[in-house]
Amino acid sequence: MNRFANLADRKPKDESTANTAPASPVAQIPTPPSRVGRKAISGYFAPELSLALHTCARRNGLSLQDLMAEAFDDVLRKYGESPIGR
């Protein structure tokens, strides 16, 4: 049996706390200008690949994002699509 199965059926111990107002919403952090109009792409890879990509970017004076953009453009060209770049 799921150890959380009965949680939905439980009533609050103190009925006076059941009708309290919800906590105030979290303040929104403004989007950095470098991310405006951009969309994140992520994936899970082996730690060795992460290290290799970071090392390659550093050796070539690039950010990891610039290195990945170059790699994605190469893949798009390979499959006959137009490269997008940054």
PDB file of N, CA and C in Angstrom:
ATOM      1  N   MET A   1       0.838  -1.182   0.000  1.00  0.00           N
ATOM      2  CA  MET A   1       0.000   0.000   0.000  1.00  0.00           C
ATOM      3  C   MET A   1       0.884   1.246   0.000  1.00  0.00           C
ATOM      4  N   ASN A   2       0.462   2.250  -0.706  1.00  0.00           N
ATOM      5  CA  ASN A   2       1.195   3.497  -0.790  1.00  0.00           C
ATOM      6  C   ASN A   2       1.152   4.212   0.562  1.00  0.00           C
ATOM      7  N   ARG A   3       2.298   4.617   1.052  1.00  0.00           N
ATOM      8  CA  ARG A   3       2.340   5.238   2.373  1.00  0.00           C
ATOM      9  C   ARG A   3       1.701   6.627   2.406  1.00  0.00           C
ATOM     10  N   PHE A   4       1.403   7.201   1.245  1.00  0.00           N
ATOM     11  CA  PHE A   4       0.773   8.507   1.183  1.00  0.00           C
ATOM     12  C   PHE A   4      -0.715   8.426   0.839  1.00  0.00           C
ATOM     13  N   ALA A   5      -1.253   7.234   0.721  1.00  0.00           N
ATOM     14  CA  ALA A   5      -2.629   7.047   0.272  1.00  0.00           C
ATOM     15  C   ALA A   5      -3.643   7.734   1.179  1.00  0.00           C
ATOM     16  N   ASN A   6      -3.410   7.742   2.473  1.00  0.00           N
ATOM     17  CA  ASN A   6      -4.391   8.299   3.401  1.00  0.00           C
ATOM     18  C   ASN A   6      -4.242   9.797   3.638  1.00  0.00           C
ATOM     19  N   LEU A   7      -3.241  10.436   3.086  1.00  0.00           N
ATOM     20  CA  LEU A   7      -3.028  11.853   3.346  1.00  0.00           C
ATOM     21  C   LEU A   7      -4.176  12.721   2.838  1.00  0.00           C
ATOM     22  N   ALA A   8      -4.737  12.388   1.706  1.00  0.00           N
ATOM     23  CA  ALA A   8      -5.819  13.191   1.143  1.00  0.00           C
ATOM     24  C   ALA A   8      -7.077  13.108   2.005  1.00  0.00           C
ATOM     25  N   ASP A   9      -7.241  12.030   2.733  1.00  0.00           N
ATOM     26  CA  ASP A   9      -8.437  11.840   3.551  1.00  0.00           C
ATOM     27  C   ASP A   9      -8.339  12.487   4.920  1.00  0.00           C
ATOM     28  N   ARG A  10      -7.176  12.859   5.331  1.00  0.00           N
ATOM     29  CA  ARG A  10      -6.995  13.421   6.673  1.00  0.00           C
ATOM     30  C   ARG A  10      -7.509  14.840   6.747  1.00  0.00           C
ATOM     31  N   LYS A  11      -8.060  15.181   7.888  1.00  0.00           N
ATOM     32  CA  LYS A  11      -8.512  16.541   8.150  1.00  0.00           C
ATOM     33  C   LYS A  11      -7.447  17.243   8.983  1.00  0.00           C
ATOM     34  N   PRO A  12      -7.341  18.571   8.858  1.00  0.00           N
ATOM     35  CA  PRO A  12      -6.368  19.284   9.681  1.00  0.00           C
ATOM     36  C   PRO A  12      -6.672  19.076  11.164  1.00  0.00           C
ATOM     37  N   LYS A  13      -5.615  19.030  11.972  1.00  0.00           N
ATOM     38  CA  LYS A  13      -5.784  18.840  13.414  1.00  0.00           C
ATOM     39  C   LYS A  13      -6.526  20.010  14.033  1.00  0.00           C
ATOM     40  N   ASP A  14      -6.230  21.204  13.565  1.00  0.00           N
ATOM     41  CA  ASP A  14      -6.865  22.405  14.094  1.00  0.00           C
ATOM     42  C   ASP A  14      -7.720  23.008  12.983  1.00  0.00           C
ATOM     43  N   GLU A  15      -9.020  22.962  13.133  1.00  0.00           N
ATOM     44  CA  GLU A  15      -9.932  23.455  12.098  1.00  0.00           C
ATOM     45  C   GLU A  15      -9.739  24.938  11.807  1.00  0.00           C
ATOM     46  N   SER A  16      -9.241  25.726  12.785  1.00  0.00           N
ATOM     47  CA  SER A  16      -9.060  27.158  12.557  1.00  0.00           C
ATOM     48  C   SER A  16      -7.961  27.435  11.534  1.00  0.00           C
ATOM     49  N   THR A  17      -7.000  26.530  11.378  1.00  0.00           N
ATOM     50  CA  THR A  17      -5.925  26.738  10.401  1.00  0.00           C
ATOM     51  C   THR A  17      -6.345  26.338   9.001  1.00  0.00           C
ATOM     52  N   ALA A  18      -7.452  25.634   8.869  1.00  0.00           N
ATOM     53  CA  ALA A  18      -7.880  25.171   7.552  1.00  0.00           C
ATOM     54  C   ALA A  18      -8.358  26.322   6.677  1.00  0.00           C
ATOM     55  N   ASN A  19      -8.821  27.406   7.259  1.00  0.00           N
ATOM     56  CA  ASN A  19      -9.363  28.511   6.478  1.00  0.00           C
ATOM     57  C   ASN A  19      -8.429  29.710   6.386  1.00  0.00           C
ATOM     58  N   THR A  20      -7.177  29.546   6.661  1.00  0.00           N
ATOM     59  CA  THR A  20      -6.239  30.663   6.580  1.00  0.00           C
ATOM     60  C   THR A  20      -5.918  30.959   5.125  1.00  0.00           C
ATOM     61  N   ALA A  21      -5.533  32.185   4.858  1.00  0.00           N
ATOM     62  CA  ALA A  21      -5.182  32.600   3.503  1.00  0.00           C
ATOM     63  C   ALA A  21      -3.886  31.935   3.085  1.00  0.00           C
ATOM     64  N   PRO A  22      -3.750  31.622   1.790  1.00  0.00           N
ATOM     65  CA  PRO A  22      -2.503  31.015   1.316  1.00  0.00           C
ATOM     66  C   PRO A  22      -1.343  31.994   1.446  1.00  0.00           C
ATOM     67  N   ALA A  23      -0.157  31.450   1.483  1.00  0.00           N
ATOM     68  CA  ALA A  23       1.044  32.274   1.582  1.00  0.00           C
ATOM     69  C   ALA A  23       1.140  33.195   0.371  1.00  0.00           C
ATOM     70  N   SER A  24       1.812  34.313   0.527  1.00  0.00           N
ATOM     71  CA  SER A  24       1.943  35.260  -0.575  1.00  0.00           C
ATOM     72  C   SER A  24       2.735  34.611  -1.711  1.00  0.00           C
ATOM     73  N   PRO A  25       2.403  34.953  -2.951  1.00  0.00           N
ATOM     74  CA  PRO A  25       3.101  34.349  -4.085  1.00  0.00           C
ATOM     75  C   PRO A  25       4.572  34.768  -4.106  1.00  0.00           C
ATOM     76  N   VAL A  26       5.374  33.924  -4.677  1.00  0.00           N
ATOM     77  CA  VAL A  26       6.808  34.189  -4.789  1.00  0.00           C
ATOM     78  C   VAL A  26       7.023  35.327  -5.777  1.00  0.00           C
ATOM     79  N   ALA A  27       7.876  36.255  -5.426  1.00  0.00           N
ATOM     80  CA  ALA A  27       8.176  37.379  -6.312  1.00  0.00           C
ATOM     81  C   ALA A  27       8.865  36.856  -7.570  1.00  0.00           C
ATOM     82  N   GLN A  28       8.452  37.372  -8.714  1.00  0.00           N
ATOM     83  CA  GLN A  28       9.050  36.943  -9.961  1.00  0.00           C
ATOM     84  C   GLN A  28      10.381  37.645 -10.172  1.00  0.00           C
ATOM     85  N   ILE A  29      11.368  36.874 -10.547  1.00  0.00           N
ATOM     86  CA  ILE A  29      12.687  37.415 -10.842  1.00  0.00           C
ATOM     87  C   ILE A  29      12.696  37.817 -12.313  1.00  0.00           C
ATOM     88  N   PRO A  30      13.129  39.026 -12.622  1.00  0.00           N
ATOM     89  CA  PRO A  30      13.118  39.453 -14.024  1.00  0.00           C
ATOM     90  C   PRO A  30      14.045  38.587 -14.876  1.00  0.00           C
ATOM     91  N   THR A  31      13.641  38.358 -16.114  1.00  0.00           N
ATOM     92  CA  THR A  31      14.440  37.567 -17.047  1.00  0.00           C
ATOM     93  C   THR A  31      15.668  38.368 -17.468  1.00  0.00           C
ATOM     94  N   PRO A  32      16.861  37.758 -17.373  1.00  0.00           N
ATOM     95  CA  PRO A  32      18.068  38.470 -17.821  1.00  0.00           C
ATOM     96  C   PRO A  32      17.967  38.796 -19.313  1.00  0.00           C
ATOM     97  N   PRO A  33      18.485  39.942 -19.741  1.00  0.00           N
ATOM     98  CA  PRO A  33      18.410  40.326 -21.159  1.00  0.00           C
ATOM     99  C   PRO A  33      18.988  39.267 -22.100  1.00  0.00           C
ATOM    100  N   SER A  34      20.000  38.526 -21.635  1.00  0.00           N
ATOM    101  CA  SER A  34      20.620  37.511 -22.498  1.00  0.00           C
ATOM    102  C   SER A  34      19.693  36.329 -22.769  1.00  0.00           C
ATOM    103  N   ARG A  35      18.593  36.206 -22.002  1.00  0.00           N
ATOM    104  CA  ARG A  35      17.669  35.091 -22.194  1.00  0.00           C
ATOM    105  C   ARG A  35      16.356  35.498 -22.849  1.00  0.00           C
ATOM    106  N   VAL A  36      16.162  36.780 -23.071  1.00  0.00           N
ATOM    107  CA  VAL A  36      14.920  37.246 -23.680  1.00  0.00           C
ATOM    108  C   VAL A  36      14.868  36.735 -25.120  1.00  0.00           C
ATOM    109  N   GLY A  37      13.758  36.123 -25.485  1.00  0.00           N
ATOM    110  CA  GLY A  37      13.581  35.601 -26.835  1.00  0.00           C
ATOM    111  C   GLY A  37      14.302  34.296 -27.087  1.00  0.00           C
ATOM    112  N   ARG A  38      14.779  33.651 -26.038  1.00  0.00           N
ATOM    113  CA  ARG A  38      15.511  32.382 -26.173  1.00  0.00           C
ATOM    114  C   ARG A  38      14.761  31.269 -25.471  1.00  0.00           C
ATOM    115  N   LYS A  39      15.066  30.043 -25.843  1.00  0.00           N
ATOM    116  CA  LYS A  39      14.437  28.876 -25.236  1.00  0.00           C
ATOM    117  C   LYS A  39      15.522  27.885 -24.855  1.00  0.00           C
ATOM    118  N   ALA A  40      15.413  27.340 -23.654  1.00  0.00           N
ATOM    119  CA  ALA A  40      16.401  26.379 -23.165  1.00  0.00           C
ATOM    120  C   ALA A  40      16.212  25.024 -23.840  1.00  0.00           C
ATOM    121  N   ILE A  41      17.339  24.377 -24.148  1.00  0.00           N
ATOM    122  CA  ILE A  41      17.356  23.002 -24.659  1.00  0.00           C
ATOM    123  C   ILE A  41      18.289  22.246 -23.738  1.00  0.00           C
ATOM    124  N   SER A  42      17.825  21.138 -23.195  1.00  0.00           N
ATOM    125  CA  SER A  42      18.686  20.399 -22.272  1.00  0.00           C
ATOM    126  C   SER A  42      18.577  18.908 -22.520  1.00  0.00           C
ATOM    127  N   GLY A  43      19.518  18.174 -21.978  1.00  0.00           N
ATOM    128  CA  GLY A  43      19.526  16.720 -22.079  1.00  0.00           C
ATOM    129  C   GLY A  43      20.418  16.151 -20.991  1.00  0.00           C
ATOM    130  N   TYR A  44      20.331  14.861 -20.793  1.00  0.00           N
ATOM    131  CA  TYR A  44      21.147  14.177 -19.793  1.00  0.00           C
ATOM    132  C   TYR A  44      22.167  13.310 -20.509  1.00  0.00           C
ATOM    133  N   PHE A  45      23.431  13.555 -20.202  1.00  0.00           N
ATOM    134  CA  PHE A  45      24.523  12.861 -20.867  1.00  0.00           C
ATOM    135  C   PHE A  45      25.513  12.340 -19.841  1.00  0.00           C
ATOM    136  N   ALA A  46      26.415  11.496 -20.305  1.00  0.00           N
ATOM    137  CA  ALA A  46      27.440  10.938 -19.430  1.00  0.00           C
ATOM    138  C   ALA A  46      28.338  12.052 -18.899  1.00  0.00           C
ATOM    139  N   PRO A  47      28.816  11.912 -17.681  1.00  0.00           N
ATOM    140  CA  PRO A  47      29.722  12.920 -17.115  1.00  0.00           C
ATOM    141  C   PRO A  47      30.970  13.129 -17.981  1.00  0.00           C
ATOM    142  N   GLU A  48      31.416  12.085 -18.644  1.00  0.00           N
ATOM    143  CA  GLU A  48      32.598  12.194 -19.503  1.00  0.00           C
ATOM    144  C   GLU A  48      32.334  13.138 -20.682  1.00  0.00           C
ATOM    145  N   LEU A  49      31.125  13.084 -21.241  1.00  0.00           N
ATOM    146  CA  LEU A  49      30.791  13.980 -22.341  1.00  0.00           C
ATOM    147  C   LEU A  49      30.733  15.426 -21.853  1.00  0.00           C
ATOM    148  N   SER A  50      30.150  15.632 -20.689  1.00  0.00           N
ATOM    149  CA  SER A  50      30.089  16.980 -20.118  1.00  0.00           C
ATOM    150  C   SER A  50      31.492  17.552 -19.930  1.00  0.00           C
ATOM    151  N   LEU A  51      32.372  16.752 -19.364  1.00  0.00           N
ATOM    152  CA  LEU A  51      33.755  17.201 -19.149  1.00  0.00           C
ATOM    153  C   LEU A  51      34.438  17.497 -20.477  1.00  0.00           C
ATOM    154  N   ALA A  52      34.244  16.620 -21.467  1.00  0.00           N
ATOM    155  CA  ALA A  52      34.874  16.815 -22.775  1.00  0.00           C
ATOM    156  C   ALA A  52      34.380  18.097 -23.441  1.00  0.00           C
ATOM    157  N   LEU A  53      33.086  18.365 -23.360  1.00  0.00           N
ATOM    158  CA  LEU A  53      32.540  19.584 -23.970  1.00  0.00           C
ATOM    159  C   LEU A  53      33.037  20.843 -23.266  1.00  0.00           C
ATOM    160  N   HIS A  54      33.035  20.812 -21.940  1.00  0.00           N
ATOM    161  CA  HIS A  54      33.542  21.971 -21.192  1.00  0.00           C
ATOM    162  C   HIS A  54      35.025  22.205 -21.488  1.00  0.00           C
ATOM    163  N   THR A  55      35.796  21.131 -21.557  1.00  0.00           N
ATOM    164  CA  THR A  55      37.236  21.246 -21.845  1.00  0.00           C
ATOM    165  C   THR A  55      37.460  21.808 -23.248  1.00  0.00           C
ATOM    166  N   CYS A  56      36.712  21.292 -24.216  1.00  0.00           N
ATOM    167  CA  CYS A  56      36.842  21.759 -25.602  1.00  0.00           C
ATOM    168  C   CYS A  56      36.477  23.243 -25.711  1.00  0.00           C
ATOM    169  N   ALA A  57      35.398  23.624 -25.070  1.00  0.00           N
ATOM    170  CA  ALA A  57      34.978  25.029 -25.106  1.00  0.00           C
ATOM    171  C   ALA A  57      36.052  25.915 -24.504  1.00  0.00           C
ATOM    172  N   ARG A  58      36.588  25.503 -23.368  1.00  0.00           N
ATOM    173  CA  ARG A  58      37.604  26.313 -22.692  1.00  0.00           C
ATOM    174  C   ARG A  58      38.877  26.441 -23.516  1.00  0.00           C
ATOM    175  N   ARG A  59      39.309  25.331 -24.112  1.00  0.00           N
ATOM    176  CA  ARG A  59      40.529  25.355 -24.937  1.00  0.00           C
ATOM    177  C   ARG A  59      40.391  26.275 -26.142  1.00  0.00           C
ATOM    178  N   ASN A  60      39.163  26.404 -26.637  1.00  0.00           N
ATOM    179  CA  ASN A  60      38.943  27.218 -27.829  1.00  0.00           C
ATOM    180  C   ASN A  60      38.397  28.604 -27.515  1.00  0.00           C
ATOM    181  N   GLY A  61      38.382  28.958 -26.242  1.00  0.00           N
ATOM    182  CA  GLY A  61      37.948  30.289 -25.841  1.00  0.00           C
ATOM    183  C   GLY A  61      36.475  30.552 -26.102  1.00  0.00           C
ATOM    184  N   LEU A  62      35.651  29.518 -26.014  1.00  0.00           N
ATOM    185  CA  LEU A  62      34.227  29.645 -26.253  1.00  0.00           C
ATOM    186  C   LEU A  62      33.447  29.351 -24.977  1.00  0.00           C
ATOM    187  N   SER A  63      32.230  29.847 -24.924  1.00  0.00           N
ATOM    188  CA  SER A  63      31.355  29.414 -23.842  1.00  0.00           C
ATOM    189  C   SER A  63      30.768  28.068 -24.259  1.00  0.00           C
ATOM    190  N   LEU A  64      30.271  27.329 -23.298  1.00  0.00           N
ATOM    191  CA  LEU A  64      29.640  26.053 -23.610  1.00  0.00           C
ATOM    192  C   LEU A  64      28.439  26.280 -24.531  1.00  0.00           C
ATOM    193  N   GLN A  65      27.705  27.345 -24.317  1.00  0.00           N
ATOM    194  CA  GLN A  65      26.550  27.651 -25.160  1.00  0.00           C
ATOM    195  C   GLN A  65      26.969  27.910 -26.602  1.00  0.00           C
ATOM    196  N   ASP A  66      28.066  28.651 -26.802  1.00  0.00           N
ATOM    197  CA  ASP A  66      28.557  28.902 -28.162  1.00  0.00           C
ATOM    198  C   ASP A  66      29.002  27.601 -28.828  1.00  0.00           C
ATOM    199  N   LEU A  67      29.676  26.729 -28.068  1.00  0.00           N
ATOM    200  CA  LEU A  67      30.121  25.445 -28.612  1.00  0.00           C
ATOM    201  C   LEU A  67      28.922  24.590 -29.010  1.00  0.00           C
ATOM    202  N   MET A  68      27.896  24.585 -28.165  1.00  0.00           N
ATOM    203  CA  MET A  68      26.702  23.800 -28.470  1.00  0.00           C
ATOM    204  C   MET A  68      25.970  24.371 -29.685  1.00  0.00           C
ATOM    205  N   ALA A  69      25.901  25.684 -29.817  1.00  0.00           N
ATOM    206  CA  ALA A  69      25.252  26.300 -30.976  1.00  0.00           C
ATOM    207  C   ALA A  69      25.970  25.888 -32.255  1.00  0.00           C
ATOM    208  N   GLU A  70      27.296  25.865 -32.206  1.00  0.00           N
ATOM    209  CA  GLU A  70      28.089  25.432 -33.367  1.00  0.00           C
ATOM    210  C   GLU A  70      27.791  23.973 -33.703  1.00  0.00           C
ATOM    211  N   ALA A  71      27.709  23.128 -32.677  1.00  0.00           N
ATOM    212  CA  ALA A  71      27.427  21.707 -32.893  1.00  0.00           C
ATOM    213  C   ALA A  71      26.023  21.514 -33.470  1.00  0.00           C
ATOM    214  N   PHE A  72      25.051  22.248 -32.945  1.00  0.00           N
ATOM    215  CA  PHE A  72      23.686  22.119 -33.452  1.00  0.00           C
ATOM    216  C   PHE A  72      23.595  22.587 -34.900  1.00  0.00           C
ATOM    217  N   ASP A  73      24.318  23.663 -35.239  1.00  0.00           N
ATOM    218  CA  ASP A  73      24.346  24.117 -36.634  1.00  0.00           C
ATOM    219  C   ASP A  73      24.932  23.037 -37.539  1.00  0.00           C
ATOM    220  N   ASP A  74      25.996  22.367 -37.095  1.00  0.00           N
ATOM    221  CA  ASP A  74      26.602  21.290 -37.880  1.00  0.00           C
ATOM    222  C   ASP A  74      25.608  20.150 -38.100  1.00  0.00           C
ATOM    223  N   VAL A  75      24.855  19.796 -37.089  1.00  0.00           N
ATOM    224  CA  VAL A  75      23.853  18.732 -37.208  1.00  0.00           C
ATOM    225  C   VAL A  75      22.751  19.155 -38.178  1.00  0.00           C
ATOM    226  N   LEU A  76      22.292  20.402 -38.068  1.00  0.00           N
ATOM    227  CA  LEU A  76      21.260  20.875 -38.983  1.00  0.00           C
ATOM    228  C   LEU A  76      21.744  20.835 -40.435  1.00  0.00           C
ATOM    229  N   ARG A  77      22.982  21.258 -40.678  1.00  0.00           N
ATOM    230  CA  ARG A  77      23.550  21.194 -42.035  1.00  0.00           C
ATOM    231  C   ARG A  77      23.605  19.745 -42.526  1.00  0.00           C
ATOM    232  N   LYS A  78      24.037  18.846 -41.649  1.00  0.00           N
ATOM    233  CA  LYS A  78      24.160  17.423 -41.999  1.00  0.00           C
ATOM    234  C   LYS A  78      22.830  16.856 -42.489  1.00  0.00           C
ATOM    235  N   TYR A  79      21.739  17.290 -41.878  1.00  0.00           N
ATOM    236  CA  TYR A  79      20.428  16.768 -42.235  1.00  0.00           C
ATOM    237  C   TYR A  79      19.658  17.681 -43.194  1.00  0.00           C
ATOM    238  N   GLY A  80      20.382  18.606 -43.834  1.00  0.00           N
ATOM    239  CA  GLY A  80      19.798  19.427 -44.890  1.00  0.00           C
ATOM    240  C   GLY A  80      18.924  20.586 -44.407  1.00  0.00           C
ATOM    241  N   GLU A  81      19.085  20.979 -43.170  1.00  0.00           N
ATOM    242  CA  GLU A  81      18.319  22.101 -42.637  1.00  0.00           C
ATOM    243  C   GLU A  81      19.207  23.342 -42.631  1.00  0.00           C
ATOM    244  N   SER A  82      18.589  24.496 -42.564  1.00  0.00           N
ATOM    245  CA  SER A  82      19.351  25.736 -42.477  1.00  0.00           C
ATOM    246  C   SER A  82      19.880  25.925 -41.055  1.00  0.00           C
ATOM    247  N   PRO A  83      21.163  26.273 -40.935  1.00  0.00           N
ATOM    248  CA  PRO A  83      21.695  26.528 -39.589  1.00  0.00           C
ATOM    249  C   PRO A  83      21.063  27.784 -39.005  1.00  0.00           C
ATOM    250  N   ILE A  84      20.821  27.753 -37.725  1.00  0.00           N
ATOM    251  CA  ILE A  84      20.160  28.875 -37.038  1.00  0.00           C
ATOM    252  C   ILE A  84      21.184  29.725 -36.295  1.00  0.00           C
ATOM    253  N   GLY A  85      22.153  29.048 -35.650  1.00  0.00           N
ATOM    254  CA  GLY A  85      23.175  29.768 -34.887  1.00  0.00           C
ATOM    255  C   GLY A  85      22.615  30.383 -33.642  1.00  0.00           C
ATOM    256  N   ARG A  86      23.257  31.446 -33.201  1.00  0.00           N
ATOM    257  CA  ARG A  86      22.844  32.119 -31.973  1.00  0.00           C
ATOM    258  C   ARG A  86      21.735  33.030 -32.282  1.00  0.00           C
TER     259      ARG A  86
END
